[in-house]
Amino acid sequence: MRFLLLLLFIGLGNVLNAQDINLNGVNYEIKNDRVFKAGVDITDTLSVDEKQDILQAFDKKMTQIEASEATKKRIEKAEKEQEKAEKDQKKAEKKQKRAEKELKKRKKVQSNFDKTTKKHKAAISKYEKLKKRGKLSPQDEAKWLEKIDKYKVASEKAKKKLKRS
């Protein structure tokens, strides 16, 4: 950014002084194909070769200014493209983070579903085993049925969450 500002000020300074030419240690000013020295028109007093040298120096300076402006434009364009690329990269990173977060959430929901289903099946299995052996009192049987129902409800909730995600 500093480099861009520096180029901008140098280019602006060159444009403002573009009509001033220093040739052989003498400062000339060009206005509408007229040559001035210290504010005095000396176009008619110059020889054809001197006038041609001054105009060539002026053309060379103008070419340098145009080249510096073109370079400045290329730099600005490159900086804009870089900013856009950085913006796109940040956007992609955010999207990736969201996807990773969603995947993590989905894994957690799946894990919860697996746990609740496993607990439900284990409770049913243990209830059946205890009932088969005849070790359940009517109060214990009611507690086990309540426990099984609680695990069933939890399992169904986990299944619904799994379907939503």
N, C-alpha and C. Protein backbone atom coordinates (compact mmCIF):
# COMPACT_ATOMS: atom_id res chain seq x y z
N MET A 1 0.83 -1.18 0.00
CA MET A 1 0.00 0.00 0.00
C MET A 1 0.88 1.25 0.00
N ARG A 2 1.93 1.23 0.81
CA ARG A 2 2.84 2.38 0.84
C ARG A 2 3.50 2.58 -0.51
N PHE A 3 3.86 1.46 -1.13
CA PHE A 3 4.50 1.52 -2.44
C PHE A 3 3.55 2.14 -3.45
N LEU A 4 2.30 1.78 -3.37
CA LEU A 4 1.30 2.33 -4.28
C LEU A 4 1.16 3.84 -4.08
N LEU A 5 1.10 4.27 -2.85
CA LEU A 5 1.00 5.71 -2.57
C LEU A 5 2.24 6.45 -3.07
N LEU A 6 3.40 5.85 -2.87
CA LEU A 6 4.64 6.46 -3.35
C LEU A 6 4.60 6.62 -4.87
N LEU A 7 4.18 5.57 -5.56
CA LEU A 7 4.08 5.66 -7.02
C LEU A 7 3.06 6.72 -7.44
N LEU A 8 1.98 6.79 -6.70
CA LEU A 8 0.95 7.77 -7.02
C LEU A 8 1.49 9.19 -6.90
N PHE A 9 2.20 9.49 -5.83
CA PHE A 9 2.76 10.82 -5.65
C PHE A 9 3.85 11.13 -6.68
N ILE A 10 4.67 10.15 -6.98
CA ILE A 10 5.72 10.37 -7.99
C ILE A 10 5.07 10.62 -9.35
N GLY A 11 4.07 9.81 -9.68
CA GLY A 11 3.38 10.00 -10.96
C GLY A 11 2.69 11.35 -11.03
N LEU A 12 2.06 11.77 -9.94
CA LEU A 12 1.39 13.06 -9.89
C LEU A 12 2.40 14.20 -10.05
N GLY A 13 3.53 14.06 -9.37
CA GLY A 13 4.58 15.07 -9.50
C GLY A 13 5.11 15.15 -10.91
N ASN A 14 5.26 14.00 -11.54
CA ASN A 14 5.74 13.99 -12.92
C ASN A 14 4.73 14.63 -13.87
N VAL A 15 3.45 14.37 -13.64
CA VAL A 15 2.43 14.96 -14.51
C VAL A 15 2.41 16.47 -14.36
N LEU A 16 2.51 16.93 -13.12
CA LEU A 16 2.49 18.38 -12.91
C LEU A 16 3.71 19.07 -13.51
N ASN A 17 4.84 18.38 -13.49
CA ASN A 17 6.07 18.95 -14.03
C ASN A 17 6.43 18.34 -15.38
N ALA A 18 5.50 17.74 -16.02
CA ALA A 18 5.78 17.04 -17.27
C ALA A 18 6.27 17.99 -18.35
N GLN A 19 5.93 19.23 -18.26
CA GLN A 19 6.31 20.16 -19.31
C GLN A 19 7.67 20.78 -19.07
N ASP A 20 8.26 20.50 -17.94
CA ASP A 20 9.60 21.01 -17.66
C ASP A 20 10.62 19.97 -18.11
N ILE A 21 11.58 20.42 -18.90
CA ILE A 21 12.63 19.55 -19.41
C ILE A 21 13.98 20.16 -19.04
N ASN A 22 14.85 19.30 -18.55
CA ASN A 22 16.21 19.73 -18.23
C ASN A 22 17.13 19.06 -19.24
N LEU A 23 17.71 19.87 -20.12
CA LEU A 23 18.58 19.36 -21.17
C LEU A 23 19.90 20.12 -21.12
N ASN A 24 20.99 19.39 -20.96
CA ASN A 24 22.34 19.98 -20.88
C ASN A 24 22.43 21.01 -19.75
N GLY A 25 21.75 20.73 -18.63
CA GLY A 25 21.82 21.62 -17.48
C GLY A 25 20.97 22.87 -17.61
N VAL A 26 20.17 22.99 -18.65
CA VAL A 26 19.32 24.16 -18.85
C VAL A 26 17.86 23.69 -18.76
N ASN A 27 17.06 24.44 -18.00
CA ASN A 27 15.65 24.09 -17.84
C ASN A 27 14.82 24.77 -18.92
N TYR A 28 14.03 23.96 -19.61
CA TYR A 28 13.13 24.46 -20.63
C TYR A 28 11.71 24.07 -20.23
N GLU A 29 10.75 24.85 -20.72
CA GLU A 29 9.36 24.54 -20.47
C GLU A 29 8.67 24.47 -21.82
N ILE A 30 7.86 23.42 -22.01
CA ILE A 30 7.18 23.21 -23.28
C ILE A 30 5.69 23.51 -23.09
N LYS A 31 5.14 24.37 -23.93
CA LYS A 31 3.71 24.66 -23.93
C LYS A 31 3.26 24.76 -25.38
N ASN A 32 2.37 23.83 -25.78
CA ASN A 32 1.83 23.84 -27.14
C ASN A 32 2.91 23.95 -28.21
N ASP A 33 3.90 23.10 -28.16
CA ASP A 33 5.03 23.07 -29.10
C ASP A 33 5.84 24.36 -29.12
N ARG A 34 5.74 25.13 -28.08
CA ARG A 34 6.56 26.34 -27.92
C ARG A 34 7.52 26.07 -26.77
N VAL A 35 8.75 26.53 -26.91
CA VAL A 35 9.78 26.30 -25.91
C VAL A 35 10.04 27.61 -25.17
N PHE A 36 10.01 27.54 -23.84
CA PHE A 36 10.24 28.70 -23.00
C PHE A 36 11.45 28.43 -22.11
N LYS A 37 12.22 29.51 -21.90
CA LYS A 37 13.34 29.43 -20.98
C LYS A 37 13.18 30.60 -20.03
N ALA A 38 12.98 30.26 -18.74
CA ALA A 38 12.77 31.27 -17.71
C ALA A 38 11.57 32.15 -18.05
N GLY A 39 10.53 31.55 -18.62
CA GLY A 39 9.31 32.29 -18.91
C GLY A 39 9.33 33.06 -20.21
N VAL A 40 10.43 33.01 -20.96
CA VAL A 40 10.56 33.76 -22.21
C VAL A 40 10.50 32.76 -23.37
N ASP A 41 9.70 33.08 -24.40
CA ASP A 41 9.58 32.21 -25.57
C ASP A 41 10.85 32.29 -26.40
N ILE A 42 11.54 31.14 -26.51
CA ILE A 42 12.80 31.11 -27.29
C ILE A 42 12.70 30.14 -28.45
N THR A 43 11.49 29.77 -28.83
CA THR A 43 11.28 28.79 -29.90
C THR A 43 11.92 29.26 -31.19
N ASP A 44 11.75 30.52 -31.53
CA ASP A 44 12.26 31.04 -32.80
C ASP A 44 13.78 31.22 -32.79
N THR A 45 14.37 31.38 -31.62
CA THR A 45 15.82 31.61 -31.54
C THR A 45 16.61 30.31 -31.50
N LEU A 46 15.95 29.19 -31.28
CA LEU A 46 16.64 27.90 -31.22
C LEU A 46 16.89 27.38 -32.62
N SER A 47 17.98 26.62 -32.75
CA SER A 47 18.24 25.98 -34.04
C SER A 47 17.31 24.77 -34.15
N VAL A 48 17.16 24.26 -35.33
CA VAL A 48 16.27 23.13 -35.59
C VAL A 48 16.73 21.92 -34.78
N ASP A 49 18.06 21.70 -34.72
CA ASP A 49 18.59 20.56 -33.96
C ASP A 49 18.31 20.71 -32.47
N GLU A 50 18.51 21.89 -31.90
CA GLU A 50 18.25 22.12 -30.47
C GLU A 50 16.77 21.92 -30.16
N LYS A 51 15.93 22.49 -31.03
CA LYS A 51 14.50 22.35 -30.83
C LYS A 51 14.08 20.88 -30.90
N GLN A 52 14.65 20.17 -31.86
CA GLN A 52 14.34 18.75 -32.02
C GLN A 52 14.82 17.95 -30.80
N ASP A 53 16.02 18.27 -30.29
CA ASP A 53 16.54 17.60 -29.09
C ASP A 53 15.62 17.84 -27.89
N ILE A 54 15.17 19.07 -27.72
CA ILE A 54 14.29 19.42 -26.60
C ILE A 54 12.96 18.67 -26.73
N LEU A 55 12.40 18.66 -27.94
CA LEU A 55 11.13 17.96 -28.14
C LEU A 55 11.27 16.44 -27.97
N GLN A 56 12.42 15.90 -28.38
CA GLN A 56 12.65 14.47 -28.17
C GLN A 56 12.76 14.15 -26.68
N ALA A 57 13.46 15.02 -25.94
CA ALA A 57 13.57 14.83 -24.49
C ALA A 57 12.19 14.91 -23.85
N PHE A 58 11.37 15.85 -24.33
CA PHE A 58 10.00 15.99 -23.83
C PHE A 58 9.19 14.71 -24.12
N ASP A 59 9.29 14.21 -25.35
CA ASP A 59 8.57 12.98 -25.73
C ASP A 59 9.04 11.79 -24.89
N LYS A 60 10.34 11.73 -24.64
CA LYS A 60 10.90 10.64 -23.83
C LYS A 60 10.34 10.71 -22.41
N LYS A 61 10.28 11.92 -21.87
CA LYS A 61 9.75 12.10 -20.52
C LYS A 61 8.28 11.73 -20.47
N MET A 62 7.51 12.11 -21.47
CA MET A 62 6.09 11.77 -21.52
C MET A 62 5.91 10.25 -21.63
N THR A 63 6.76 9.59 -22.39
CA THR A 63 6.70 8.13 -22.51
C THR A 63 6.97 7.47 -21.16
N GLN A 64 7.94 8.00 -20.42
CA GLN A 64 8.24 7.46 -19.09
C GLN A 64 7.06 7.64 -18.14
N ILE A 65 6.41 8.79 -18.24
CA ILE A 65 5.25 9.05 -17.38
C ILE A 65 4.12 8.08 -17.71
N GLU A 66 3.88 7.88 -18.99
CA GLU A 66 2.83 6.95 -19.41
C GLU A 66 3.15 5.53 -18.94
N ALA A 67 4.44 5.17 -19.04
CA ALA A 67 4.85 3.82 -18.60
C ALA A 67 4.65 3.68 -17.09
N SER A 68 4.99 4.72 -16.33
CA SER A 68 4.82 4.63 -14.88
C SER A 68 3.34 4.56 -14.50
N GLU A 69 2.49 5.28 -15.26
CA GLU A 69 1.05 5.20 -15.00
C GLU A 69 0.51 3.81 -15.33
N ALA A 70 0.99 3.23 -16.41
CA ALA A 70 0.57 1.88 -16.78
C ALA A 70 1.02 0.88 -15.71
N THR A 71 2.23 1.07 -15.22
CA THR A 71 2.73 0.20 -14.15
C THR A 71 1.89 0.34 -12.91
N LYS A 72 1.54 1.58 -12.59
CA LYS A 72 0.71 1.84 -11.41
C LYS A 72 -0.64 1.15 -11.55
N LYS A 73 -1.23 1.21 -12.75
CA LYS A 73 -2.51 0.56 -12.98
C LYS A 73 -2.39 -0.95 -12.84
N ARG A 74 -1.30 -1.53 -13.36
CA ARG A 74 -1.09 -2.97 -13.23
C ARG A 74 -0.94 -3.37 -11.77
N ILE A 75 -0.22 -2.54 -11.00
CA ILE A 75 -0.03 -2.82 -9.57
C ILE A 75 -1.37 -2.75 -8.84
N GLU A 76 -2.15 -1.73 -9.15
CA GLU A 76 -3.47 -1.60 -8.52
C GLU A 76 -4.35 -2.80 -8.85
N LYS A 77 -4.31 -3.23 -10.11
CA LYS A 77 -5.11 -4.36 -10.54
C LYS A 77 -4.65 -5.63 -9.82
N ALA A 78 -3.34 -5.80 -9.71
CA ALA A 78 -2.80 -6.98 -9.03
C ALA A 78 -3.20 -6.97 -7.55
N GLU A 79 -3.17 -5.80 -6.92
CA GLU A 79 -3.56 -5.70 -5.51
C GLU A 79 -5.05 -6.03 -5.33
N LYS A 80 -5.87 -5.54 -6.25
CA LYS A 80 -7.31 -5.84 -6.18
C LYS A 80 -7.55 -7.34 -6.34
N GLU A 81 -6.83 -7.94 -7.28
CA GLU A 81 -6.98 -9.38 -7.50
C GLU A 81 -6.52 -10.15 -6.27
N GLN A 82 -5.44 -9.69 -5.65
CA GLN A 82 -4.94 -10.35 -4.44
C GLN A 82 -5.96 -10.22 -3.31
N GLU A 83 -6.53 -9.05 -3.14
CA GLU A 83 -7.55 -8.85 -2.11
C GLU A 83 -8.75 -9.76 -2.37
N LYS A 84 -9.15 -9.87 -3.63
CA LYS A 84 -10.28 -10.72 -3.98
C LYS A 84 -9.95 -12.18 -3.68
N ALA A 85 -8.73 -12.58 -4.01
CA ALA A 85 -8.32 -13.96 -3.74
C ALA A 85 -8.31 -14.24 -2.24
N GLU A 86 -7.82 -13.27 -1.46
CA GLU A 86 -7.81 -13.44 -0.01
C GLU A 86 -9.24 -13.53 0.53
N LYS A 87 -10.11 -12.70 -0.01
CA LYS A 87 -11.51 -12.72 0.41
C LYS A 87 -12.15 -14.07 0.08
N ASP A 88 -11.89 -14.56 -1.14
CA ASP A 88 -12.43 -15.85 -1.54
C ASP A 88 -11.89 -16.98 -0.66
N GLN A 89 -10.60 -16.87 -0.31
CA GLN A 89 -9.99 -17.89 0.54
C GLN A 89 -10.62 -17.88 1.93
N LYS A 90 -10.86 -16.69 2.48
CA LYS A 90 -11.51 -16.60 3.79
C LYS A 90 -12.92 -17.20 3.72
N LYS A 91 -13.60 -16.91 2.63
CA LYS A 91 -14.95 -17.43 2.45
C LYS A 91 -14.92 -18.96 2.40
N ALA A 92 -13.95 -19.50 1.67
CA ALA A 92 -13.81 -20.96 1.58
C ALA A 92 -13.47 -21.56 2.93
N GLU A 93 -12.62 -20.89 3.69
CA GLU A 93 -12.25 -21.37 5.02
C GLU A 93 -13.48 -21.39 5.94
N LYS A 94 -14.29 -20.33 5.87
CA LYS A 94 -15.51 -20.28 6.68
C LYS A 94 -16.45 -21.43 6.30
N LYS A 95 -16.57 -21.65 5.00
CA LYS A 95 -17.45 -22.71 4.53
C LYS A 95 -16.95 -24.07 5.02
N GLN A 96 -15.64 -24.25 4.98
CA GLN A 96 -15.05 -25.51 5.44
C GLN A 96 -15.27 -25.68 6.94
N LYS A 97 -15.10 -24.60 7.70
CA LYS A 97 -15.33 -24.68 9.15
C LYS A 97 -16.78 -25.04 9.45
N ARG A 98 -17.71 -24.43 8.70
CA ARG A 98 -19.12 -24.76 8.90
C ARG A 98 -19.37 -26.24 8.61
N ALA A 99 -18.77 -26.72 7.53
CA ALA A 99 -18.95 -28.13 7.16
C ALA A 99 -18.37 -29.04 8.24
N GLU A 100 -17.20 -28.68 8.75
CA GLU A 100 -16.58 -29.48 9.80
C GLU A 100 -17.43 -29.47 11.07
N LYS A 101 -17.98 -28.31 11.39
CA LYS A 101 -18.83 -28.18 12.57
C LYS A 101 -20.09 -29.03 12.40
N GLU A 102 -20.66 -28.97 11.22
CA GLU A 102 -21.86 -29.76 10.92
C GLU A 102 -21.56 -31.25 11.01
N LEU A 103 -20.41 -31.65 10.50
CA LEU A 103 -20.01 -33.06 10.56
C LEU A 103 -19.83 -33.51 12.01
N LYS A 104 -19.20 -32.65 12.80
CA LYS A 104 -18.99 -32.97 14.22
C LYS A 104 -20.34 -33.11 14.93
N LYS A 105 -21.25 -32.21 14.61
CA LYS A 105 -22.59 -32.25 15.22
C LYS A 105 -23.30 -33.53 14.81
N ARG A 106 -23.18 -33.86 13.55
CA ARG A 106 -23.83 -35.07 13.03
C ARG A 106 -23.26 -36.33 13.70
N LYS A 107 -21.95 -36.35 13.89
CA LYS A 107 -21.33 -37.50 14.56
C LYS A 107 -21.83 -37.61 16.01
N LYS A 108 -21.97 -36.47 16.68
CA LYS A 108 -22.45 -36.47 18.05
C LYS A 108 -23.88 -36.98 18.12
N VAL A 109 -24.72 -36.53 17.20
CA VAL A 109 -26.11 -36.98 17.16
C VAL A 109 -26.16 -38.49 16.90
N GLN A 110 -25.33 -38.96 15.97
CA GLN A 110 -25.27 -40.39 15.66
C GLN A 110 -24.82 -41.17 16.89
N SER A 111 -23.82 -40.65 17.58
CA SER A 111 -23.31 -41.30 18.79
C SER A 111 -24.40 -41.38 19.86
N ASN A 112 -25.11 -40.27 20.05
CA ASN A 112 -26.21 -40.27 21.03
C ASN A 112 -27.28 -41.30 20.66
N PHE A 113 -27.60 -41.36 19.38
CA PHE A 113 -28.59 -42.33 18.92
C PHE A 113 -28.11 -43.74 19.21
N ASP A 114 -26.86 -44.04 18.89
CA ASP A 114 -26.29 -45.37 19.12
C ASP A 114 -26.32 -45.73 20.61
N LYS A 115 -25.95 -44.77 21.46
CA LYS A 115 -25.93 -45.02 22.90
C LYS A 115 -27.33 -45.30 23.44
N THR A 116 -28.28 -44.46 23.06
CA THR A 116 -29.64 -44.65 23.59
C THR A 116 -30.25 -45.96 23.08
N THR A 117 -29.99 -46.30 21.83
CA THR A 117 -30.50 -47.56 21.28
C THR A 117 -29.88 -48.74 22.01
N LYS A 118 -28.58 -48.65 22.25
CA LYS A 118 -27.87 -49.72 22.95
C LYS A 118 -28.42 -49.88 24.38
N LYS A 119 -28.63 -48.77 25.08
CA LYS A 119 -29.17 -48.82 26.44
C LYS A 119 -30.58 -49.42 26.44
N HIS A 120 -31.38 -49.02 25.45
CA HIS A 120 -32.74 -49.54 25.35
C HIS A 120 -32.72 -51.06 25.15
N LYS A 121 -31.92 -51.53 24.23
CA LYS A 121 -31.84 -52.97 23.96
C LYS A 121 -31.29 -53.72 25.17
N ALA A 122 -30.28 -53.12 25.81
CA ALA A 122 -29.70 -53.78 27.00
C ALA A 122 -30.73 -53.86 28.12
N ALA A 123 -31.53 -52.82 28.32
CA ALA A 123 -32.56 -52.83 29.36
C ALA A 123 -33.61 -53.88 29.07
N ILE A 124 -34.03 -53.99 27.81
CA ILE A 124 -35.02 -55.01 27.41
C ILE A 124 -34.45 -56.40 27.66
N SER A 125 -33.20 -56.59 27.25
CA SER A 125 -32.55 -57.89 27.42
C SER A 125 -32.47 -58.28 28.90
N LYS A 126 -32.06 -57.36 29.73
CA LYS A 126 -31.93 -57.64 31.16
C LYS A 126 -33.30 -57.90 31.78
N TYR A 127 -34.28 -57.12 31.36
CA TYR A 127 -35.65 -57.32 31.86
C TYR A 127 -36.14 -58.71 31.50
N GLU A 128 -35.94 -59.10 30.24
CA GLU A 128 -36.39 -60.42 29.78
C GLU A 128 -35.68 -61.52 30.57
N LYS A 129 -34.38 -61.35 30.80
CA LYS A 129 -33.59 -62.33 31.53
C LYS A 129 -34.09 -62.46 32.97
N LEU A 130 -34.31 -61.33 33.63
CA LEU A 130 -34.79 -61.36 35.02
C LEU A 130 -36.21 -61.94 35.10
N LYS A 131 -37.03 -61.62 34.14
CA LYS A 131 -38.42 -62.11 34.11
C LYS A 131 -38.44 -63.63 33.91
N LYS A 132 -37.55 -64.10 33.03
CA LYS A 132 -37.45 -65.52 32.72
C LYS A 132 -37.03 -66.30 33.97
N ARG A 133 -36.13 -65.76 34.75
CA ARG A 133 -35.64 -66.41 35.96
C ARG A 133 -36.64 -66.28 37.12
N GLY A 134 -37.56 -65.38 36.95
CA GLY A 134 -38.58 -65.17 37.98
C GLY A 134 -38.08 -64.36 39.15
N LYS A 135 -37.14 -63.51 38.91
CA LYS A 135 -36.56 -62.71 39.98
C LYS A 135 -37.15 -61.30 40.07
N LEU A 136 -38.24 -61.06 39.41
CA LEU A 136 -38.85 -59.73 39.42
C LEU A 136 -40.10 -59.72 40.30
N SER A 137 -40.11 -58.82 41.24
CA SER A 137 -41.31 -58.60 42.03
C SER A 137 -42.21 -57.66 41.22
N PRO A 138 -43.46 -57.54 41.56
CA PRO A 138 -44.33 -56.63 40.80
C PRO A 138 -43.82 -55.19 40.81
N GLN A 139 -43.21 -54.77 41.91
CA GLN A 139 -42.66 -53.40 41.97
C GLN A 139 -41.44 -53.27 41.06
N ASP A 140 -40.57 -54.29 41.10
CA ASP A 140 -39.37 -54.28 40.23
C ASP A 140 -39.77 -54.31 38.76
N GLU A 141 -40.79 -55.10 38.46
CA GLU A 141 -41.25 -55.18 37.07
C GLU A 141 -41.76 -53.82 36.60
N ALA A 142 -42.47 -53.10 37.42
CA ALA A 142 -42.97 -51.76 37.07
C ALA A 142 -41.81 -50.79 36.86
N LYS A 143 -40.81 -50.89 37.73
CA LYS A 143 -39.62 -50.03 37.58
C LYS A 143 -38.89 -50.33 36.27
N TRP A 144 -38.74 -51.63 35.95
CA TRP A 144 -38.05 -51.99 34.72
C TRP A 144 -38.83 -51.53 33.49
N LEU A 145 -40.12 -51.70 33.53
CA LEU A 145 -40.94 -51.26 32.39
C LEU A 145 -40.86 -49.74 32.22
N GLU A 146 -40.82 -49.04 33.33
CA GLU A 146 -40.67 -47.58 33.29
C GLU A 146 -39.30 -47.19 32.72
N LYS A 147 -38.30 -47.92 33.16
CA LYS A 147 -36.93 -47.67 32.67
C LYS A 147 -36.83 -47.94 31.17
N ILE A 148 -37.43 -49.05 30.74
CA ILE A 148 -37.42 -49.40 29.31
C ILE A 148 -38.15 -48.33 28.50
N ASP A 149 -39.27 -47.88 29.01
CA ASP A 149 -40.05 -46.84 28.33
C ASP A 149 -39.23 -45.54 28.22
N LYS A 150 -38.53 -45.20 29.30
CA LYS A 150 -37.69 -43.99 29.30
C LYS A 150 -36.59 -44.10 28.23
N TYR A 151 -35.96 -45.26 28.15
CA TYR A 151 -34.91 -45.46 27.13
C TYR A 151 -35.51 -45.45 25.72
N LYS A 152 -36.72 -45.97 25.58
CA LYS A 152 -37.39 -45.97 24.28
C LYS A 152 -37.67 -44.55 23.82
N VAL A 153 -38.18 -43.70 24.74
CA VAL A 153 -38.47 -42.30 24.42
C VAL A 153 -37.17 -41.58 24.03
N ALA A 154 -36.10 -41.82 24.81
CA ALA A 154 -34.81 -41.18 24.51
C ALA A 154 -34.29 -41.63 23.15
N SER A 155 -34.46 -42.90 22.85
CA SER A 155 -34.02 -43.44 21.57
C SER A 155 -34.80 -42.82 20.41
N GLU A 156 -36.11 -42.65 20.60
CA GLU A 156 -36.93 -42.04 19.54
C GLU A 156 -36.56 -40.58 19.32
N LYS A 157 -36.28 -39.87 20.41
CA LYS A 157 -35.84 -38.46 20.28
C LYS A 157 -34.53 -38.39 19.51
N ALA A 158 -33.60 -39.27 19.85
CA ALA A 158 -32.30 -39.28 19.17
C ALA A 158 -32.47 -39.61 17.70
N LYS A 159 -33.42 -40.53 17.40
CA LYS A 159 -33.68 -40.89 16.01
C LYS A 159 -34.22 -39.70 15.23
N LYS A 160 -35.13 -38.93 15.85
CA LYS A 160 -35.68 -37.74 15.20
C LYS A 160 -34.58 -36.71 14.92
N LYS A 161 -33.73 -36.51 15.93
CA LYS A 161 -32.60 -35.55 15.74
C LYS A 161 -31.69 -36.01 14.62
N LEU A 162 -31.48 -37.31 14.54
CA LEU A 162 -30.60 -37.85 13.50
C LEU A 162 -31.21 -37.61 12.12
N LYS A 163 -32.51 -37.75 12.01
CA LYS A 163 -33.18 -37.52 10.72
C LYS A 163 -33.13 -36.05 10.32
N ARG A 164 -33.20 -35.15 11.31
CA ARG A 164 -33.18 -33.71 11.02
C ARG A 164 -31.81 -33.23 10.57
N SER A 165 -30.77 -33.84 11.11
CA SER A 165 -29.42 -33.33 10.77
C SER A 165 -28.85 -33.99 9.56
